[in-house]
């Protein structure tokens, strides 16, 4: 299945056409159907549901003042989970801040994620990052950082290193449409194009960069067109169609493994919720957009497909939701019973051996008078 345009075509036809498999009612296009095993499709769907339920619970915790911040992925679950499912275990993910579901799909413990949301003593990054800024070396999931676009050049650098070492891995970089206005997007795309780095650029065009609409990010006809100047082929995909996302991502991974270089994939999706728990989208977004999103909702479409295949039922949905809610409850209870990181942990992980002046500062900090809590 050839879903990737050749870099010499100007403009590439596939950068215009939106690659789709499922219609809004879960029916497949036989011309584009990747014919995935139903057990895999069900796993993708269940991970999408799990991600949405976790997001909803974390937002409630933030509103209750129990955690400080949350960035959700409501409406974008197919773009994140199905693309992750298309990767191999040895491939590396370089996320932005909306891909926690990808790490969980790969096997990151939900407890590890929830501990990060609380920044407690069991948090892998010891409370030094904002909530949702997780990392998972064991599942090949690089650390999330807040600055826009930095993960793009990191992904390309990792891919280039692997190519030099002749290691058959592919790196994936997620970013939003707003990140295409960052320096790192241009530097990363250019380097990948020149050196044919095995990187797949997954650009989630969700319509908004916080409150800035996508049409104010670029005058290009599509975001996929942005690869043309760098010799990087681009393809547009319905990011709310899990089967299409899987097919296009898998083709790009296989292309990179053949030594044919990077691919830019524009995943056309929609951010159904707020940008983050600090955002109020009603201030800049019309209600009609939300009505359309209900029809395009990735969970509804994939569930309809599974039901048509007699691979999922209403009873399965109830069981799944109850299982996830119970899992989340246990993780929250454990996280809230865990103390905050120790004061001395601030001095760890910078030097292999702590210099004497920092040891002195650490001891003064730990043993000195503490401000009273009110």
Protein backbone atom coordinates (compact mmCIF):
# COMPACT_ATOMS: atom_id res chain seq x y z
CA UNK A 1 0.00 0.00 0.00
CA UNK A 2 1.65 3.21 -1.19
CA UNK A 3 0.35 6.07 0.95
CA UNK A 4 3.48 8.23 0.92
CA UNK A 5 4.18 10.77 -1.81
CA UNK A 6 7.54 10.85 -3.55
CA UNK A 7 9.63 13.84 -2.53
CA UNK A 8 10.16 15.01 -6.11
CA UNK A 9 6.44 15.43 -6.87
CA UNK A 10 5.35 19.08 -6.66
CA UNK A 11 2.90 19.27 -5.08
CA UNK A 12 2.51 15.66 -3.91
CA UNK A 13 -1.03 14.47 -4.48
CA UNK A 14 -1.14 12.58 -1.19
CA UNK A 15 -0.37 15.80 0.69
CA UNK A 16 -3.72 17.12 -0.57
CA UNK A 17 -5.97 14.08 -0.24
CA UNK A 18 -7.10 13.02 3.23
CA UNK A 19 -6.34 9.33 3.71
CA UNK A 20 -9.37 7.67 5.33
CA UNK A 21 -10.57 4.15 6.03
CA UNK A 22 -13.63 4.53 8.28
CA UNK A 23 -16.68 6.67 7.65
CA UNK A 24 -18.49 8.32 10.56
CA UNK A 25 -20.57 5.18 11.14
CA UNK A 26 -17.68 2.72 11.26
CA UNK A 27 -17.94 1.37 7.72
CA UNK A 28 -14.65 0.66 5.92
CA UNK A 29 -13.46 1.70 2.50
CA UNK A 30 -12.31 -1.59 0.90
CA UNK A 31 -9.71 0.29 -1.14
CA UNK A 32 -7.86 1.56 1.94
CA UNK A 33 -8.76 -1.00 4.62
CA UNK A 34 -5.50 -2.29 6.19
CA UNK A 35 -7.38 -5.42 7.33
CA UNK A 36 -5.94 -5.41 10.83
CA UNK A 37 -6.45 -8.33 13.16
CA UNK A 38 -9.54 -7.64 15.27
CA UNK A 39 -7.66 -8.38 18.49
CA UNK A 40 -5.27 -5.52 17.66
CA UNK A 41 -8.12 -3.17 16.78
CA UNK A 42 -9.84 -4.01 20.04
CA UNK A 43 -6.64 -3.37 21.98
CA UNK A 44 -6.31 0.04 20.30
CA UNK A 45 -9.94 0.88 21.10
CA UNK A 46 -9.65 -0.18 24.74
CA UNK A 47 -6.49 1.93 25.13
CA UNK A 48 -8.31 4.91 23.64
CA UNK A 49 -11.19 4.49 26.09
CA UNK A 50 -8.75 4.06 28.98
CA UNK A 51 -6.95 7.26 27.99
CA UNK A 52 -10.18 9.26 27.85
CA UNK A 53 -11.41 7.98 31.22
CA UNK A 54 -8.07 8.73 32.86
CA UNK A 55 -8.11 12.24 31.35
CA UNK A 56 -11.60 12.92 32.70
CA UNK A 57 -10.63 11.77 36.20
CA UNK A 58 -7.42 13.80 36.25
CA UNK A 59 -9.29 16.93 35.23
CA UNK A 60 -11.67 16.40 38.15
CA UNK A 61 -8.70 16.02 40.49
CA UNK A 62 -7.28 19.30 39.22
CA UNK A 63 -10.59 21.09 39.75
CA UNK A 64 -10.68 19.70 43.29
CA UNK A 65 -7.22 21.10 43.98
CA UNK A 66 -5.68 17.67 44.46
CA UNK A 67 -3.26 18.03 41.52
CA UNK A 68 -1.96 21.23 40.00
CA UNK A 69 -2.36 20.87 36.25
CA UNK A 70 -3.46 18.54 33.46
CA UNK A 71 -3.17 18.37 29.67
CA UNK A 72 -5.71 16.00 28.15
CA UNK A 73 -6.12 14.40 24.74
CA UNK A 74 -9.90 14.19 24.38
CA UNK A 75 -10.77 13.83 20.70
CA UNK A 76 -7.19 13.02 19.69
CA UNK A 77 -6.94 9.48 21.06
CA UNK A 78 -6.84 7.78 17.64
CA UNK A 79 -4.02 10.02 16.41
CA UNK A 80 -1.97 9.10 19.48
CA UNK A 81 -2.83 5.48 20.27
CA UNK A 82 -3.18 4.07 16.74
CA UNK A 83 0.10 5.63 15.62
CA UNK A 84 1.85 4.17 18.66
CA UNK A 85 0.39 0.76 17.88
CA UNK A 86 1.93 0.96 14.41
CA UNK A 87 5.46 1.23 15.84
CA UNK A 88 7.77 -1.61 16.79
CA UNK A 89 8.91 -2.09 20.38
CA UNK A 90 12.44 -0.94 19.55
CA UNK A 91 11.35 2.38 18.05
CA UNK A 92 11.64 5.54 20.15
CA UNK A 93 8.87 8.06 20.84
CA UNK A 94 9.66 11.75 21.36
CA UNK A 95 6.38 13.23 22.61
CA UNK A 96 5.10 16.70 23.24
CA UNK A 97 2.81 17.01 26.28
CA UNK A 98 -0.38 15.28 25.09
CA UNK A 99 0.88 11.73 24.50
CA UNK A 100 0.68 10.10 27.94
CA UNK A 101 -1.67 7.53 26.40
CA UNK A 102 1.15 6.42 24.10
CA UNK A 103 3.40 5.65 27.07
CA UNK A 104 0.59 3.77 28.81
CA UNK A 105 -0.11 1.77 25.64
CA UNK A 106 3.53 0.74 25.55
CA UNK A 107 3.40 -0.51 29.11
CA UNK A 108 4.23 2.42 31.37
CA UNK A 109 2.60 1.75 34.73
CA UNK A 110 -0.48 3.85 35.41
CA UNK A 111 0.79 4.20 38.96
CA UNK A 112 4.00 5.76 37.62
CA UNK A 113 1.92 8.23 35.61
CA UNK A 114 -0.35 9.15 38.51
CA UNK A 115 2.66 9.57 40.82
CA UNK A 116 3.98 12.13 38.34
CA UNK A 117 0.67 13.98 38.44
CA UNK A 118 1.12 14.34 42.22
CA UNK A 119 4.88 14.92 42.08
CA UNK A 120 5.36 12.64 45.07
CA UNK A 121 8.38 10.70 46.29
CA UNK A 122 7.70 7.89 43.80
CA UNK A 123 7.60 10.27 40.84
CA UNK A 124 10.32 9.26 38.38
CA UNK A 125 11.33 12.91 37.95
CA UNK A 126 11.02 13.60 41.71
CA UNK A 127 8.54 16.42 41.42
CA UNK A 128 10.87 18.57 39.32
CA UNK A 129 8.64 18.64 36.25
CA UNK A 130 5.10 19.88 35.76
CA UNK A 131 2.35 17.25 35.93
CA UNK A 132 1.99 15.29 32.65
CA UNK A 133 5.71 15.73 31.91
CA UNK A 134 6.57 12.06 32.20
CA UNK A 135 9.39 9.90 30.94
CA UNK A 136 9.74 6.15 30.42
CA UNK A 137 13.10 4.83 29.31
CA UNK A 138 11.89 1.25 29.70
CA UNK A 139 9.16 1.80 27.10
CA UNK A 140 11.38 3.97 24.86
CA UNK A 141 9.42 7.11 25.64
CA UNK A 142 11.63 10.19 25.93
CA UNK A 143 11.06 12.87 28.55
CA UNK A 144 8.34 15.39 27.84
CA UNK A 145 9.50 19.00 28.00
CA UNK A 146 7.38 22.13 28.02
CA UNK A 147 9.15 24.28 25.37
CA UNK A 148 7.40 23.93 22.03
CA UNK A 149 9.13 21.85 19.36
CA UNK A 150 12.28 20.75 21.20
CA UNK A 151 11.33 17.08 20.85
CA UNK A 152 11.54 17.37 17.05
CA UNK A 153 15.29 17.96 16.87
CA UNK A 154 15.82 15.41 19.65
CA UNK A 155 14.01 12.74 17.62
CA UNK A 156 16.05 13.53 14.51
CA UNK A 157 19.31 13.48 16.48
CA UNK A 158 18.47 10.07 17.95
CA UNK A 159 17.55 8.73 14.50
CA UNK A 160 20.78 10.06 13.01
CA UNK A 161 22.82 8.43 15.79
CA UNK A 162 21.05 5.12 15.17
CA UNK A 163 21.75 5.40 11.45
CA UNK A 164 25.45 6.04 12.10
CA UNK A 165 25.55 3.00 14.39
CA UNK A 166 23.58 0.94 11.84
CA UNK A 167 20.88 0.19 14.38
CA UNK A 168 17.55 -0.56 12.67
CA UNK A 169 15.32 1.75 14.70
CA UNK A 170 12.91 4.52 13.79
CA UNK A 171 12.13 7.57 15.89
CA UNK A 172 8.76 9.25 16.03
CA UNK A 173 8.20 12.88 16.94
CA UNK A 174 4.76 14.16 17.89
CA UNK A 175 3.92 17.83 17.64
CA UNK A 176 0.91 20.08 17.23
CA UNK A 177 0.17 22.48 14.39
CA UNK A 178 1.45 25.37 16.52
CA UNK A 179 4.89 23.75 16.72
CA UNK A 180 5.35 24.26 12.97
CA UNK A 181 6.05 27.91 13.84
CA UNK A 182 8.96 26.92 16.08
CA UNK A 183 12.65 26.98 15.16
CA UNK A 184 13.04 23.31 16.03
CA UNK A 185 10.46 22.22 13.48
CA UNK A 186 12.43 23.81 10.64
CA UNK A 187 15.82 22.69 11.93
CA UNK A 188 14.60 19.14 12.50
CA UNK A 189 12.85 18.82 9.14
CA UNK A 190 15.83 20.22 7.26
CA UNK A 191 18.38 17.96 8.98
CA UNK A 192 16.17 14.90 8.50
CA UNK A 193 15.69 15.69 4.84
CA UNK A 194 19.37 16.31 4.13
CA UNK A 195 20.64 13.25 5.99
CA UNK A 196 17.62 11.01 5.35
CA UNK A 197 17.16 10.32 9.04
CA UNK A 198 14.69 7.52 9.84
CA UNK A 199 12.20 9.78 11.60
CA UNK A 200 8.42 9.92 11.29
CA UNK A 201 7.01 13.37 12.04
CA UNK A 202 3.48 12.99 13.42
CA UNK A 203 1.90 16.42 13.27
CA UNK A 204 -1.45 16.55 15.03
CA UNK A 205 -3.43 19.32 13.38
CA UNK A 206 -6.13 19.66 16.03
CA UNK A 207 -7.33 23.05 14.83
CA UNK A 208 -5.91 25.18 17.63
CA UNK A 209 -2.61 26.15 19.24
CA UNK A 210 -4.22 27.11 22.55
CA UNK A 211 -6.40 29.96 21.22
CA UNK A 212 -4.64 30.51 17.87
CA UNK A 213 -6.50 28.81 14.98
CA UNK A 214 -4.45 26.70 12.59
CA UNK A 215 -5.07 29.06 9.67
CA UNK A 216 -3.05 31.68 11.53
CA UNK A 217 -0.07 29.32 11.79
CA UNK A 218 0.51 28.95 8.06
CA UNK A 219 -0.55 30.10 4.60
CA UNK A 220 0.36 26.70 3.14
CA UNK A 221 -2.58 24.80 1.70
CA UNK A 222 -1.88 21.96 4.13
CA UNK A 223 0.60 21.30 6.91
CA UNK A 224 1.75 18.21 5.00
CA UNK A 225 2.98 20.59 2.27
CA UNK A 226 5.61 21.90 4.65
CA UNK A 227 7.77 18.88 3.93
CA UNK A 228 8.20 19.81 0.27
CA UNK A 229 10.84 22.48 0.87
CA UNK A 230 12.94 20.00 2.84
CA UNK A 231 12.56 17.08 0.44
CA UNK A 232 10.45 15.24 2.99
CA UNK A 233 7.34 13.52 1.57
CA UNK A 234 4.08 14.41 3.24
CA UNK A 235 0.72 12.72 3.62
CA UNK A 236 -2.56 13.87 5.16
CA UNK A 237 -4.53 11.43 7.23
CA UNK A 238 -7.86 11.53 9.03
CA UNK A 239 -6.50 11.64 12.57
CA UNK A 240 -9.87 10.62 14.03
CA UNK A 241 -9.81 7.36 12.04
CA UNK A 242 -7.73 4.83 13.98
CA UNK A 243 -7.40 2.40 11.08
CA UNK A 244 -6.16 5.12 8.73
CA UNK A 245 -3.69 6.42 11.32
CA UNK A 246 -2.28 2.93 11.82
CA UNK A 247 -1.94 2.26 8.10
CA UNK A 248 -0.23 5.55 7.26
CA UNK A 249 2.13 5.43 10.25
CA UNK A 250 3.10 1.82 9.56
CA UNK A 251 3.87 2.64 5.93
CA UNK A 252 6.09 5.53 7.01
CA UNK A 253 7.95 3.32 9.52
CA UNK A 254 8.57 0.67 6.89
CA UNK A 255 9.75 3.33 4.47
CA UNK A 256 12.26 4.61 7.02
CA UNK A 257 13.50 1.09 7.69
CA UNK A 258 14.15 0.64 3.97
CA UNK A 259 16.51 3.60 4.16
CA UNK A 260 14.20 5.95 2.28
CA UNK A 261 14.24 8.65 4.93
CA UNK A 262 11.70 10.66 6.90
CA UNK A 263 7.97 11.23 6.37
CA UNK A 264 5.76 14.08 7.54
CA UNK A 265 2.23 12.93 8.46
CA UNK A 266 -0.45 15.52 9.09
CA UNK A 267 -3.06 13.92 11.35
CA UNK A 268 -6.19 16.01 10.93
CA UNK A 269 -8.02 15.76 14.23
CA UNK A 270 -9.75 18.02 16.75
CA UNK A 271 -9.05 19.04 20.31
CA UNK A 272 -12.42 18.34 21.90
CA UNK A 273 -11.44 19.66 25.31
CA UNK A 274 -9.50 22.66 26.55
CA UNK A 275 -5.83 23.10 25.71
CA UNK A 276 -5.13 22.37 29.38
CA UNK A 277 -6.79 22.74 32.74
CA UNK A 278 -5.71 26.40 32.65
CA UNK A 279 -7.64 27.15 29.45
CA UNK A 280 -11.26 28.13 28.72
CA UNK A 281 -11.99 27.33 25.04
CA UNK A 282 -15.46 28.90 25.19
CA UNK A 283 -13.71 32.26 25.01
CA UNK A 284 -12.52 31.66 21.44
CA UNK A 285 -14.31 28.60 20.00
CA UNK A 286 -17.81 28.30 18.55
CA UNK A 287 -20.28 25.67 19.69
CA UNK A 288 -20.83 24.43 16.12
CA UNK A 289 -17.30 23.05 16.11
CA UNK A 290 -18.14 20.81 19.04
CA UNK A 291 -21.30 19.54 17.33
CA UNK A 292 -19.22 18.42 14.34
CA UNK A 293 -16.67 16.77 16.61
CA UNK A 294 -19.35 14.49 18.05
CA UNK A 295 -19.85 13.01 14.58
CA UNK A 296 -16.10 12.64 14.02
CA UNK A 297 -15.32 11.32 17.51
CA UNK A 298 -12.62 8.65 17.17
CA UNK A 299 -13.96 6.43 19.95
CA UNK A 300 -17.48 6.36 18.52
CA UNK A 301 -16.23 5.53 15.02
CA UNK A 302 -13.91 2.71 16.08
CA UNK A 303 -16.49 1.20 18.42
CA UNK A 304 -19.03 1.21 15.57
CA UNK A 305 -16.51 -0.66 13.42
CA UNK A 306 -15.89 -3.27 16.12
CA UNK A 307 -19.61 -3.74 16.69
CA UNK A 308 -20.12 -4.27 12.96
CA UNK A 309 -17.48 -6.99 13.16
CA UNK A 310 -19.21 -8.50 16.23
CA UNK A 311 -15.99 -7.93 18.19
CA UNK A 312 -17.35 -5.61 20.89
CA UNK A 313 -20.61 -5.10 22.75
CA UNK A 314 -22.35 -2.73 25.16
CA UNK A 315 -21.60 -5.18 27.97
CA UNK A 316 -17.91 -5.13 27.02
CA UNK A 317 -17.99 -1.34 27.26
CA UNK A 318 -19.44 -1.40 30.78
CA UNK A 319 -16.87 -3.97 31.92
CA UNK A 320 -14.02 -1.95 30.41
CA UNK A 321 -15.10 1.30 32.05
CA UNK A 322 -15.56 -0.32 35.44
CA UNK A 323 -12.12 -1.94 35.23
CA UNK A 324 -10.40 1.33 34.32
CA UNK A 325 -12.19 3.32 37.01
CA UNK A 326 -11.20 0.76 39.64
CA UNK A 327 -7.59 0.85 38.44
CA UNK A 328 -7.51 4.65 38.59
CA UNK A 329 -9.02 4.68 42.09
CA UNK A 330 -6.27 2.41 43.41
CA UNK A 331 -3.53 4.51 41.81
CA UNK A 332 -4.92 7.75 43.22
CA UNK A 333 -5.22 6.27 46.71
CA UNK A 334 -1.60 5.11 46.63
CA UNK A 335 -0.33 8.39 45.19
CA UNK A 336 -2.08 10.45 47.85
CA UNK A 337 -0.67 8.23 50.59
CA UNK A 338 2.88 8.74 49.32
CA UNK A 339 4.90 11.61 50.86
CA UNK A 340 6.45 14.45 48.89
CA UNK A 341 10.02 14.08 47.58
CA UNK A 342 12.69 14.60 50.22
CA UNK A 343 14.43 17.96 50.49
CA UNK A 344 17.82 16.36 49.77
CA UNK A 345 16.55 14.94 46.46
CA UNK A 346 16.92 18.45 45.01
CA UNK A 347 20.68 17.90 45.01
CA UNK A 348 20.64 14.53 43.25
CA UNK A 349 21.07 13.52 39.59
CA UNK A 350 23.23 16.44 38.46
CA UNK A 351 26.72 15.24 39.36
CA UNK A 352 27.96 11.66 39.54
CA UNK A 353 29.69 12.67 42.77
CA UNK A 354 28.26 15.61 44.66
CA UNK A 355 30.82 18.45 45.00
CA UNK A 356 31.76 19.53 48.50
CA UNK A 357 30.08 22.93 48.23
CA UNK A 358 26.79 21.30 47.24
CA UNK A 359 27.08 18.75 50.03
CA UNK A 360 27.46 21.69 52.44
CA UNK A 361 24.41 23.43 50.96
CA UNK A 362 22.40 20.20 51.10
CA UNK A 363 23.24 19.65 54.76
CA UNK A 364 22.34 23.23 55.64
CA UNK A 365 19.08 22.90 53.75
CA UNK A 366 18.13 19.58 55.37
CA UNK A 367 19.19 20.44 58.92
CA UNK A 368 18.33 24.13 58.98
CA UNK A 369 15.09 25.69 60.27
CA UNK A 370 11.97 24.94 58.24
CA UNK A 371 9.21 27.44 57.59
CA UNK A 372 5.99 26.56 59.35
CA UNK A 373 3.06 25.48 57.23
CA UNK A 374 -0.21 27.33 57.78
